[in-house]
Amino acid sequence: MIRRVDWRLVALAAAILIVAFGAWNWSGWQRRAWIAAGFGARVACSCRQVEGRALASCRKDFRALEGMGLVTIADRADGTGVDASVPLLAHRTARLVPGFGCIMDNRQK
């Protein structure tokens, strides 16, 4: 006798496995995103504030780097640095400090 598969139960089991996998790996993803966003902010700040290049030119520097595809960069509204973020995981800021160059901002929320 052939039993019919209840696809709702299969979908529920798959959803539970996906959520469990995400929960298990979330802290690792956050650490890697924190590092990538920090690297992106620091490099983009140096590109913008020290070298004086356009932000579009700075974005091109990230294309060759593996794992930097999700990092977005934007100028700070006050013009003193660069924000970098990985959606849902991390946000970092680097600011220009005269005499020191670009440093990571410790005033993170």
C-alpha atoms as a PDB file:
ATOM      1  CA  MET A   1       0.000   0.000   0.000  1.00  0.00           C
ATOM      2  CA  ILE A   2       1.389   3.400  -1.034  1.00  0.00           C
ATOM      3  CA  ARG A   3       1.159   6.270   1.481  1.00  0.00           C
ATOM      4  CA  ARG A   4       0.674   9.816   0.335  1.00  0.00           C
ATOM      5  CA  VAL A   5       3.199  12.326   1.568  1.00  0.00           C
ATOM      6  CA  ASP A   6       1.755  15.265   3.457  1.00  0.00           C
ATOM      7  CA  TRP A   7       3.756  18.132   1.927  1.00  0.00           C
ATOM      8  CA  ARG A   8       2.700  20.505   4.692  1.00  0.00           C
ATOM      9  CA  LEU A   9       4.620  18.402   7.209  1.00  0.00           C
ATOM     10  CA  VAL A  10       7.633  18.245   4.916  1.00  0.00           C
ATOM     11  CA  ALA A  11       7.536  22.041   4.487  1.00  0.00           C
ATOM     12  CA  LEU A  12       7.186  22.530   8.247  1.00  0.00           C
ATOM     13  CA  ALA A  13      10.138  20.226   8.941  1.00  0.00           C
ATOM     14  CA  ALA A  14      12.243  22.057   6.340  1.00  0.00           C
ATOM     15  CA  ALA A  15      11.313  25.436   7.858  1.00  0.00           C
ATOM     16  CA  ILE A  16      12.258  24.210  11.335  1.00  0.00           C
ATOM     17  CA  LEU A  17      15.622  22.969  10.029  1.00  0.00           C
ATOM     18  CA  ILE A  18      16.323  26.279   8.280  1.00  0.00           C
ATOM     19  CA  VAL A  19      15.476  28.309  11.397  1.00  0.00           C
ATOM     20  CA  ALA A  20      17.597  26.010  13.576  1.00  0.00           C
ATOM     21  CA  PHE A  21      20.525  26.295  11.159  1.00  0.00           C
ATOM     22  CA  GLY A  22      20.240  30.098  11.174  1.00  0.00           C
ATOM     23  CA  ALA A  23      20.041  30.250  14.963  1.00  0.00           C
ATOM     24  CA  TRP A  24      23.044  27.951  15.328  1.00  0.00           C
ATOM     25  CA  ASN A  25      25.202  30.014  12.949  1.00  0.00           C
ATOM     26  CA  TRP A  26      23.941  33.539  13.771  1.00  0.00           C
ATOM     27  CA  SER A  27      26.818  34.552  16.076  1.00  0.00           C
ATOM     28  CA  GLY A  28      29.429  33.421  13.541  1.00  0.00           C
ATOM     29  CA  TRP A  29      27.696  35.364  10.791  1.00  0.00           C
ATOM     30  CA  GLN A  30      27.572  38.436  13.042  1.00  0.00           C
ATOM     31  CA  ARG A  31      31.294  38.210  13.843  1.00  0.00           C
ATOM     32  CA  ARG A  32      32.246  37.940  10.186  1.00  0.00           C
ATOM     33  CA  ALA A  33      29.859  40.779   9.273  1.00  0.00           C
ATOM     34  CA  TRP A  34      31.303  42.966  12.089  1.00  0.00           C
ATOM     35  CA  ILE A  35      34.826  42.383  10.763  1.00  0.00           C
ATOM     36  CA  ALA A  36      33.827  42.963   7.121  1.00  0.00           C
ATOM     37  CA  ALA A  37      31.918  46.167   7.964  1.00  0.00           C
ATOM     38  CA  GLY A  38      34.854  47.448  10.023  1.00  0.00           C
ATOM     39  CA  PHE A  39      37.310  46.701   7.247  1.00  0.00           C
ATOM     40  CA  GLY A  40      35.020  48.341   4.705  1.00  0.00           C
ATOM     41  CA  ALA A  41      34.549  51.464   6.831  1.00  0.00           C
ATOM     42  CA  ARG A  42      38.266  51.840   7.506  1.00  0.00           C
ATOM     43  CA  VAL A  43      39.371  51.324   3.890  1.00  0.00           C
ATOM     44  CA  ALA A  44      36.586  53.493   2.441  1.00  0.00           C
ATOM     45  CA  CYS A  45      37.313  56.267   4.947  1.00  0.00           C
ATOM     46  CA  SER A  46      40.972  56.272   3.965  1.00  0.00           C
ATOM     47  CA  CYS A  47      39.978  56.273   0.308  1.00  0.00           C
ATOM     48  CA  ARG A  48      37.556  59.188   0.746  1.00  0.00           C
ATOM     49  CA  GLN A  49      39.107  61.327   3.457  1.00  0.00           C
ATOM     50  CA  VAL A  50      42.848  60.741   2.992  1.00  0.00           C
ATOM     51  CA  GLU A  51      43.114  60.099  -0.750  1.00  0.00           C
ATOM     52  CA  GLY A  52      40.191  62.369  -1.694  1.00  0.00           C
ATOM     53  CA  ARG A  53      38.667  59.893  -4.145  1.00  0.00           C
ATOM     54  CA  ALA A  54      34.975  59.695  -5.015  1.00  0.00           C
ATOM     55  CA  LEU A  55      32.849  57.144  -3.160  1.00  0.00           C
ATOM     56  CA  ALA A  56      32.063  55.325  -6.432  1.00  0.00           C
ATOM     57  CA  SER A  57      35.791  54.883  -6.996  1.00  0.00           C
ATOM     58  CA  CYS A  58      36.200  53.512  -3.469  1.00  0.00           C
ATOM     59  CA  ARG A  59      33.446  50.928  -4.047  1.00  0.00           C
ATOM     60  CA  LYS A  60      35.458  49.479  -6.925  1.00  0.00           C
ATOM     61  CA  ASP A  61      38.230  48.548  -4.471  1.00  0.00           C
ATOM     62  CA  PHE A  62      35.919  46.011  -2.806  1.00  0.00           C
ATOM     63  CA  ARG A  63      34.953  44.079  -5.946  1.00  0.00           C
ATOM     64  CA  ALA A  64      38.076  41.931  -5.898  1.00  0.00           C
ATOM     65  CA  LEU A  65      37.754  40.990  -2.222  1.00  0.00           C
ATOM     66  CA  GLU A  66      35.900  37.813  -1.362  1.00  0.00           C
ATOM     67  CA  GLY A  67      33.124  38.248   1.191  1.00  0.00           C
ATOM     68  CA  MET A  68      32.788  42.011   0.721  1.00  0.00           C
ATOM     69  CA  GLY A  69      29.855  41.820  -1.677  1.00  0.00           C
ATOM     70  CA  LEU A  70      27.263  42.486   1.036  1.00  0.00           C
ATOM     71  CA  VAL A  71      29.105  45.445   2.566  1.00  0.00           C
ATOM     72  CA  THR A  72      27.587  48.810   1.664  1.00  0.00           C
ATOM     73  CA  ILE A  73      29.420  52.080   2.253  1.00  0.00           C
ATOM     74  CA  ALA A  74      28.126  55.629   2.540  1.00  0.00           C
ATOM     75  CA  ASP A  75      29.536  59.018   3.509  1.00  0.00           C
ATOM     76  CA  ARG A  76      28.646  60.338   6.958  1.00  0.00           C
ATOM     77  CA  ALA A  77      26.169  63.206   6.889  1.00  0.00           C
ATOM     78  CA  ASP A  78      28.656  65.434   8.728  1.00  0.00           C
ATOM     79  CA  GLY A  79      31.364  64.663   6.156  1.00  0.00           C
ATOM     80  CA  THR A  80      33.906  63.403   8.682  1.00  0.00           C
ATOM     81  CA  GLY A  81      33.928  59.722   7.843  1.00  0.00           C
ATOM     82  CA  VAL A  82      32.310  56.700   6.264  1.00  0.00           C
ATOM     83  CA  ASP A  83      29.613  54.272   7.426  1.00  0.00           C
ATOM     84  CA  ALA A  84      29.730  50.641   6.345  1.00  0.00           C
ATOM     85  CA  SER A  85      27.121  47.993   6.998  1.00  0.00           C
ATOM     86  CA  VAL A  86      26.065  44.447   6.310  1.00  0.00           C
ATOM     87  CA  PRO A  87      22.255  44.286   6.256  1.00  0.00           C
ATOM     88  CA  LEU A  88      20.709  42.934   9.474  1.00  0.00           C
ATOM     89  CA  LEU A  89      24.100  42.005  10.942  1.00  0.00           C
ATOM     90  CA  ALA A  90      26.560  44.861  11.469  1.00  0.00           C
ATOM     91  CA  HIS A  91      27.161  48.599  11.174  1.00  0.00           C
ATOM     92  CA  ARG A  92      30.545  50.310  11.654  1.00  0.00           C
ATOM     93  CA  THR A  93      31.849  53.854  11.286  1.00  0.00           C
ATOM     94  CA  ALA A  94      35.349  55.147  10.588  1.00  0.00           C
ATOM     95  CA  ARG A  95      36.176  58.832  11.084  1.00  0.00           C
ATOM     96  CA  LEU A  96      39.064  61.014  10.019  1.00  0.00           C
ATOM     97  CA  VAL A  97      41.128  62.230  12.968  1.00  0.00           C
ATOM     98  CA  PRO A  98      43.668  64.834  11.839  1.00  0.00           C
ATOM     99  CA  GLY A  99      47.193  63.617  12.419  1.00  0.00           C
ATOM    100  CA  PHE A 100      46.095  59.996  12.855  1.00  0.00           C
ATOM    101  CA  GLY A 101      44.164  59.204   9.692  1.00  0.00           C
ATOM    102  CA  CYS A 102      40.962  57.175   9.753  1.00  0.00           C
ATOM    103  CA  ILE A 103      40.138  55.332  12.952  1.00  0.00           C
ATOM    104  CA  MET A 104      37.193  53.167  13.932  1.00  0.00           C
ATOM    105  CA  ASP A 105      34.498  54.963  15.899  1.00  0.00           C
ATOM    106  CA  ASN A 106      33.945  53.342  19.297  1.00  0.00           C
ATOM    107  CA  ARG A 107      30.614  55.069  19.759  1.00  0.00           C
ATOM    108  CA  GLN A 108      28.621  52.204  18.258  1.00  0.00           C
ATOM    109  CA  LYS A 109      25.034  51.574  19.310  1.00  0.00           C
END
